[in-house]
Amino acid sequence: MPNRKPQKLELRFVGPIPEVDQNYALVSCSVSNNGDGLFLFIKNDPNDDVHGRIERGASFAKTKMPKKKTFKLIVQNDYKSIEILIDRINFTYPVFDIFNDGRVVIAGGRTQWRSKDDYDLNGLIFDPSNGERIRFLAGDGIANLSIDNNSRIFISYFDEGVFGNNGWNHPGPSGPGAGGLCCFNGKGELDWQFNSVDGSAEFISDCYAMNVFEEYAYVYYYTDFSLCEIDQEFKTTFWKPNVSGCHSFAINNDLVVFSGQYNDPCTRFFAMKRLRNGLSKPQPVSINLEFGKLKKAHKTVCRGDHIHHFNPDGWFKASISSLKNS
């Protein structure tokens, strides 16, 4: 990497983490396609069953909670805050997003295959206006989930989802996770899989990062750490960013900014220009917060050209468009 002095980008304070009834605990934070903050809470989970683990020689995530519980999703922006209750869910390690029409999709990170007629439907599309619920198989080993402006649900998977675990791929079928990246429609039906793209030499073994905004999806993945753009027609375009092990990236028409590589401090990012025939060499960027410290233990989310960070002090964000395009 070059030794030039890094550019600096400060994430500015947006607001505090929403306060809720003491019976609820924060599960995770995210950001919608239009930039709203998404805060998922769970009710009456003193044992943290939503993050349950099981020991089978090593530690594995449980595929479901012992009992169904109620989740509360708070959707927040500068003008309003909306609370959505979703009851009767036993998903563990949930990922979630919201459609432009107000419907919610939530999926558990793991699912178990037991037989051809017995497996966990770990995806739910919920309409708070009428209570309609659509259950679907979202796949095992989910890394991330996001909805684009066309109401397409993109789900990415880590290696256990791609190659099989929890009965999937041995002895059961491969399941959606084998696609590495899948696109579902607004009814939970599988429309497209990356790893089954005809004629593509690229293969997702482990999807490290995904950024879905407007009508495009971008993914960065192992084995070769490629960056891929998927457009409205599922046409794919590839770049080699020459950075390894990054877990998030922000992108616009001019720049891509990746989080640090393996063992890099969490304040180190790398920027590169989008050129006609590829990407420029990575240049260092130092990321800091308006106040407090950025820590790996806290949540960093990139959506479009914004970098968001959530910690006990609140929600912080900044656009990479403020960086010099050089």
Protein backbone atom coordinates (compact mmCIF):
# COMPACT_ATOMS: atom_id res chain seq x y z
CA MET A 1 0.00 0.00 0.00
CA PRO A 2 1.22 3.55 -0.66
CA ASN A 3 2.84 5.56 2.12
CA ARG A 4 1.07 8.82 1.30
CA LYS A 5 -0.65 10.67 4.13
CA PRO A 6 -4.24 9.45 4.37
CA GLN A 7 -7.24 11.61 3.74
CA LYS A 8 -9.56 12.00 6.73
CA LEU A 9 -13.30 11.49 6.93
CA GLU A 10 -15.31 12.29 10.05
CA LEU A 11 -18.59 10.52 10.70
CA ARG A 12 -20.99 13.08 12.14
CA PHE A 13 -23.52 12.40 14.90
CA VAL A 14 -27.04 11.72 13.59
CA GLY A 15 -28.83 10.93 16.83
CA PRO A 16 -29.01 8.56 19.80
CA ILE A 17 -30.04 4.93 19.66
CA PRO A 18 -33.83 4.93 20.21
CA GLU A 19 -35.05 4.37 23.75
CA VAL A 20 -37.58 1.58 24.26
CA ASP A 21 -39.37 -0.22 27.07
CA GLN A 22 -36.97 -1.92 29.48
CA ASN A 23 -38.36 -5.32 28.46
CA TYR A 24 -36.75 -4.89 25.04
CA ALA A 25 -33.06 -5.35 24.18
CA LEU A 26 -31.25 -4.12 21.07
CA VAL A 27 -30.43 -6.91 18.62
CA SER A 28 -28.89 -5.07 15.68
CA CYS A 29 -28.82 -1.82 13.67
CA SER A 30 -28.95 -1.29 9.93
CA VAL A 31 -29.83 1.27 7.24
CA SER A 32 -32.55 1.19 4.57
CA ASN A 33 -32.15 1.98 0.89
CA ASN A 34 -33.42 5.53 1.43
CA GLY A 35 -31.08 6.13 4.39
CA ASP A 36 -33.44 5.53 7.33
CA GLY A 37 -31.92 4.05 10.47
CA LEU A 38 -33.26 0.59 11.30
CA PHE A 39 -33.10 -0.56 14.92
CA LEU A 40 -34.27 -4.09 15.79
CA PHE A 41 -35.17 -4.93 19.39
CA ILE A 42 -36.37 -8.18 20.99
CA LYS A 43 -38.79 -8.53 23.90
CA ASN A 44 -38.18 -10.67 26.98
CA ASP A 45 -34.94 -12.35 25.98
CA PRO A 46 -32.85 -12.28 29.20
CA ASN A 47 -30.74 -15.27 28.10
CA ASP A 48 -29.95 -13.73 24.71
CA ASP A 49 -31.52 -16.68 22.90
CA VAL A 50 -31.51 -14.62 19.71
CA HIS A 51 -27.72 -15.09 19.68
CA GLY A 52 -27.78 -18.67 20.97
CA ARG A 53 -24.82 -20.99 20.41
CA ILE A 54 -24.40 -24.77 20.55
CA GLU A 55 -21.20 -26.74 21.12
CA ARG A 56 -20.53 -29.56 18.64
CA GLY A 57 -16.77 -29.82 18.98
CA ALA A 58 -16.77 -26.15 18.03
CA SER A 59 -19.24 -23.34 18.65
CA PHE A 60 -22.08 -23.00 16.12
CA ALA A 61 -25.04 -20.65 15.94
CA LYS A 62 -28.36 -22.20 16.88
CA THR A 63 -30.84 -22.25 14.02
CA LYS A 64 -33.79 -21.06 16.12
CA MET A 65 -34.77 -19.88 19.60
CA PRO A 66 -36.51 -22.28 22.04
CA LYS A 67 -39.63 -20.07 22.03
CA LYS A 68 -41.15 -17.59 19.63
CA LYS A 69 -40.70 -13.98 20.69
CA THR A 70 -41.75 -10.47 19.67
CA PHE A 71 -39.45 -8.13 17.77
CA LYS A 72 -39.81 -4.37 17.52
CA LEU A 73 -38.36 -2.59 14.48
CA ILE A 74 -37.88 1.16 14.80
CA VAL A 75 -37.50 3.05 11.51
CA GLN A 76 -36.01 6.48 12.13
CA ASN A 77 -35.04 9.53 10.12
CA ASP A 78 -34.75 13.27 10.67
CA TYR A 79 -38.52 13.76 10.53
CA LYS A 80 -40.21 10.81 12.19
CA SER A 81 -39.87 7.50 13.99
CA ILE A 82 -42.07 4.47 13.25
CA GLU A 83 -42.42 1.38 15.45
CA ILE A 84 -43.34 -1.97 13.90
CA LEU A 85 -44.10 -5.01 16.08
CA ILE A 86 -43.49 -8.45 14.60
CA ASP A 87 -44.55 -11.28 16.90
CA ARG A 88 -44.24 -15.08 16.83
CA ILE A 89 -40.69 -15.30 15.50
CA ASN A 90 -37.98 -17.69 16.66
CA PHE A 91 -35.23 -16.59 14.25
CA THR A 92 -31.66 -16.33 15.53
CA TYR A 93 -29.08 -13.83 14.23
CA PRO A 94 -31.72 -11.91 12.25
CA VAL A 95 -31.02 -9.67 9.27
CA PHE A 96 -33.68 -7.26 8.08
CA ASP A 97 -34.72 -4.39 5.81
CA ILE A 98 -37.83 -2.44 4.85
CA PHE A 99 -39.58 -2.10 1.47
CA ASN A 100 -40.49 1.32 0.10
CA ASP A 101 -44.17 0.44 0.68
CA GLY A 102 -43.61 -0.18 4.41
CA ARG A 103 -43.46 -3.97 4.41
CA VAL A 104 -40.62 -5.58 6.35
CA VAL A 105 -38.43 -8.55 5.54
CA ILE A 106 -36.61 -10.36 8.33
CA ALA A 107 -34.60 -13.57 8.06
CA GLY A 108 -32.81 -15.79 10.54
CA GLY A 109 -29.14 -16.31 9.79
CA ARG A 110 -29.36 -20.09 10.01
CA THR A 111 -31.81 -22.81 8.99
CA GLN A 112 -31.86 -26.59 9.52
CA TRP A 113 -32.70 -29.25 6.92
CA ARG A 114 -34.06 -32.47 8.46
CA SER A 115 -35.87 -34.10 5.53
CA LYS A 116 -37.43 -33.10 2.21
CA ASP A 117 -40.63 -32.19 4.04
CA ASP A 118 -39.07 -30.82 7.23
CA TYR A 119 -36.84 -27.73 7.19
CA ASP A 120 -36.98 -24.26 8.69
CA LEU A 121 -38.50 -21.45 6.63
CA ASN A 122 -36.20 -18.73 7.97
CA GLY A 123 -37.53 -15.78 5.96
CA LEU A 124 -40.58 -13.62 6.69
CA ILE A 125 -42.16 -10.79 4.70
CA PHE A 126 -44.50 -8.89 7.02
CA ASP A 127 -47.03 -6.21 6.11
CA PRO A 128 -47.78 -4.08 9.20
CA SER A 129 -50.81 -2.49 7.49
CA ASN A 130 -52.81 -5.72 7.46
CA GLY A 131 -50.70 -8.31 9.30
CA GLU A 132 -50.09 -10.42 6.19
CA ARG A 133 -47.16 -12.82 6.63
CA ILE A 134 -45.27 -14.65 3.86
CA ARG A 135 -42.81 -17.31 5.01
CA PHE A 136 -40.04 -18.42 2.66
CA LEU A 137 -36.75 -20.30 2.65
CA ALA A 138 -34.03 -17.63 2.79
CA GLY A 139 -31.16 -20.13 3.04
CA ASP A 140 -28.54 -21.08 5.60
CA GLY A 141 -25.41 -19.09 6.42
CA ILE A 142 -26.80 -15.61 5.70
CA ALA A 143 -24.24 -12.82 5.79
CA ASN A 144 -26.40 -9.85 4.82
CA LEU A 145 -29.79 -8.84 3.43
CA SER A 146 -30.89 -5.68 1.58
CA ILE A 147 -33.80 -4.51 -0.59
CA ASP A 148 -33.39 -2.38 -3.71
CA ASN A 149 -35.77 0.19 -5.20
CA ASN A 150 -37.43 -2.50 -7.32
CA SER A 151 -38.46 -4.46 -4.19
CA ARG A 152 -35.87 -7.14 -4.93
CA ILE A 153 -34.43 -8.84 -1.84
CA PHE A 154 -30.70 -9.55 -2.14
CA ILE A 155 -29.27 -12.04 0.36
CA SER A 156 -25.56 -12.86 0.59
CA TYR A 157 -24.03 -15.92 2.26
CA PHE A 158 -20.84 -16.94 4.01
CA ASP A 159 -18.99 -20.18 3.32
CA GLU A 160 -21.13 -22.51 5.46
CA GLY A 161 -24.18 -21.43 3.48
CA VAL A 162 -22.40 -21.90 0.15
CA PHE A 163 -20.86 -25.31 0.81
CA GLY A 164 -23.42 -26.70 3.24
CA ASN A 165 -24.11 -27.19 6.93
CA ASN A 166 -27.09 -27.97 9.19
CA GLY A 167 -28.16 -30.74 6.82
CA TRP A 168 -27.96 -28.63 3.68
CA ASN A 169 -25.89 -30.14 0.86
CA HIS A 170 -25.24 -33.26 2.96
CA PRO A 171 -27.49 -35.19 3.18
CA GLY A 172 -30.07 -32.64 1.96
CA PRO A 173 -30.19 -30.41 -1.13
CA SER A 174 -27.86 -27.46 -1.62
CA GLY A 175 -30.39 -24.78 -0.68
CA PRO A 176 -30.35 -21.08 -1.66
CA GLY A 177 -27.05 -20.41 0.14
CA ALA A 178 -25.19 -22.36 -2.55
CA GLY A 179 -25.83 -19.39 -4.85
CA GLY A 180 -23.45 -17.20 -2.82
CA LEU A 181 -25.75 -14.27 -3.58
CA CYS A 182 -29.48 -14.71 -4.24
CA CYS A 183 -32.24 -12.39 -5.34
CA PHE A 184 -35.81 -12.98 -4.15
CA ASN A 185 -38.89 -11.08 -5.27
CA GLY A 186 -41.42 -9.35 -3.03
CA LYS A 187 -43.26 -12.64 -2.53
CA GLY A 188 -40.16 -14.47 -1.29
CA GLU A 189 -39.67 -16.39 -4.55
CA LEU A 190 -36.11 -17.06 -5.72
CA ASP A 191 -35.47 -15.28 -9.03
CA TRP A 192 -31.67 -15.39 -9.46
CA GLN A 193 -28.46 -16.89 -8.04
CA PHE A 194 -24.95 -15.60 -8.62
CA ASN A 195 -23.15 -18.96 -8.61
CA SER A 196 -25.43 -20.31 -11.32
CA VAL A 197 -24.74 -17.46 -13.76
CA ASP A 198 -24.03 -19.12 -17.11
CA GLY A 199 -20.58 -18.47 -18.49
CA SER A 200 -19.26 -16.62 -15.43
CA ALA A 201 -15.80 -17.67 -14.29
CA GLU A 202 -16.44 -15.99 -10.93
CA PHE A 203 -17.67 -17.97 -7.92
CA ILE A 204 -18.64 -16.69 -4.47
CA SER A 205 -17.19 -18.93 -1.76
CA ASP A 206 -17.79 -16.40 1.03
CA CYS A 207 -19.48 -13.02 0.53
CA TYR A 208 -17.59 -10.57 2.75
CA ALA A 209 -19.56 -7.40 1.99
CA MET A 210 -22.65 -6.22 0.11
CA ASN A 211 -23.96 -2.75 -0.73
CA VAL A 212 -27.42 -2.47 -2.31
CA PHE A 213 -28.72 0.96 -3.25
CA GLU A 214 -31.22 2.32 -5.75
CA GLU A 215 -31.48 -0.39 -8.46
CA TYR A 216 -27.99 -1.88 -8.11
CA ALA A 217 -26.35 -4.49 -5.92
CA TYR A 218 -22.61 -4.64 -5.31
CA VAL A 219 -20.81 -7.54 -3.63
CA TYR A 220 -17.20 -8.15 -2.58
CA TYR A 221 -16.29 -11.77 -2.05
CA TYR A 222 -13.71 -14.49 -1.52
CA THR A 223 -11.88 -16.43 -3.14
CA ASP A 224 -10.20 -13.76 -5.28
CA PHE A 225 -11.77 -10.73 -3.55
CA SER A 226 -13.51 -9.39 -6.61
CA LEU A 227 -16.01 -6.54 -6.63
CA CYS A 228 -19.13 -7.16 -8.73
CA GLU A 229 -21.97 -4.89 -9.84
CA ILE A 230 -25.37 -6.47 -10.57
CA ASP A 231 -27.76 -4.22 -12.50
CA GLN A 232 -31.55 -4.33 -12.98
CA GLU A 233 -31.28 -7.06 -15.61
CA PHE A 234 -28.79 -9.11 -13.53
CA LYS A 235 -25.96 -8.12 -15.82
CA THR A 236 -22.67 -8.43 -13.95
CA THR A 237 -19.56 -6.23 -14.14
CA PHE A 238 -16.35 -7.11 -12.28
CA TRP A 239 -13.36 -5.24 -10.85
CA LYS A 240 -10.25 -6.27 -8.89
CA PRO A 241 -9.83 -3.79 -6.03
CA ASN A 242 -6.49 -5.21 -4.79
CA VAL A 243 -7.55 -5.24 -1.14
CA SER A 244 -8.24 -8.38 0.89
CA GLY A 245 -10.44 -9.26 3.83
CA CYS A 246 -12.56 -6.08 3.92
CA HIS A 247 -16.02 -6.33 5.49
CA SER A 248 -17.76 -3.21 4.15
CA PHE A 249 -17.51 -0.66 1.36
CA ALA A 250 -19.23 2.54 0.26
CA ILE A 251 -19.59 3.35 -3.43
CA ASN A 252 -20.74 6.10 -5.81
CA ASN A 253 -20.18 6.87 -9.49
CA ASP A 254 -16.63 8.09 -8.84
CA LEU A 255 -15.22 6.26 -5.83
CA VAL A 256 -15.20 3.02 -3.87
CA VAL A 257 -14.09 3.16 -0.23
CA PHE A 258 -13.33 -0.16 1.49
CA SER A 259 -12.91 -0.85 5.18
CA GLY A 260 -9.55 -2.12 6.40
CA GLN A 261 -7.93 -5.38 5.40
CA TYR A 262 -7.07 -8.30 7.69
CA ASN A 263 -5.69 -7.06 11.03
CA ASP A 264 -5.96 -3.39 10.02
CA PRO A 265 -7.24 -0.99 12.69
CA CYS A 266 -10.95 -0.26 12.30
CA THR A 267 -10.19 3.41 11.53
CA ARG A 268 -8.28 2.51 8.35
CA PHE A 269 -10.15 2.52 5.04
CA PHE A 270 -8.97 2.54 1.41
CA ALA A 271 -10.31 4.69 -1.43
CA MET A 272 -9.98 4.06 -5.15
CA LYS A 273 -11.34 5.83 -8.19
CA ARG A 274 -13.72 4.11 -10.56
CA LEU A 275 -12.03 4.23 -13.95
CA ARG A 276 -13.31 3.23 -17.36
CA ASN A 277 -11.31 0.00 -17.34
CA GLY A 278 -10.99 -0.75 -13.64
CA LEU A 279 -10.10 0.82 -10.32
CA SER A 280 -7.18 3.02 -9.33
CA LYS A 281 -4.61 1.99 -6.74
CA PRO A 282 -5.94 2.04 -3.18
CA GLN A 283 -5.22 5.21 -1.23
CA PRO A 284 -5.50 5.32 2.58
CA VAL A 285 -8.38 7.06 4.34
CA SER A 286 -8.60 7.61 8.10
CA ILE A 287 -12.14 7.32 9.47
CA ASN A 288 -13.08 8.81 12.83
CA LEU A 289 -16.21 9.85 14.72
CA GLU A 290 -17.34 13.35 15.63
CA PHE A 291 -16.92 12.22 19.24
CA GLY A 292 -16.05 8.90 20.87
CA LYS A 293 -14.05 6.09 19.28
CA LEU A 294 -14.78 3.80 16.37
CA LYS A 295 -14.44 0.19 17.54
CA LYS A 296 -14.60 -3.16 15.74
CA ALA A 297 -17.01 -4.47 18.37
CA HIS A 298 -19.62 -1.94 17.20
CA LYS A 299 -21.64 -1.97 13.96
CA THR A 300 -20.43 -0.30 10.76
CA VAL A 301 -22.81 -0.35 7.77
CA CYS A 302 -22.26 1.05 4.27
CA ARG A 303 -25.27 1.87 2.13
CA GLY A 304 -24.72 3.65 -1.17
CA ASP A 305 -22.04 6.30 -0.69
CA HIS A 306 -22.57 6.64 3.07
CA ILE A 307 -20.63 5.02 5.90
CA HIS A 308 -22.72 4.53 9.06
CA HIS A 309 -21.50 3.56 12.51
CA PHE A 310 -23.61 2.58 15.53
CA ASN A 311 -22.32 2.46 19.10
CA PRO A 312 -23.66 3.25 22.61
CA ASP A 313 -23.13 6.97 21.93
CA GLY A 314 -25.51 6.84 18.95
CA TRP A 315 -25.63 6.79 15.17
CA PHE A 316 -22.90 8.46 13.07
CA LYS A 317 -22.57 8.80 9.31
CA ALA A 318 -20.70 10.53 6.47
CA SER A 319 -20.69 10.48 2.66
CA ILE A 320 -17.56 9.48 0.76
CA SER A 321 -18.45 12.21 -1.79
CA SER A 322 -16.65 14.65 0.52
CA LEU A 323 -13.34 12.90 -0.19
CA LYS A 324 -11.03 14.28 -2.84
CA ASN A 325 -11.38 12.31 -6.05
CA SER A 326 -7.66 11.88 -6.60
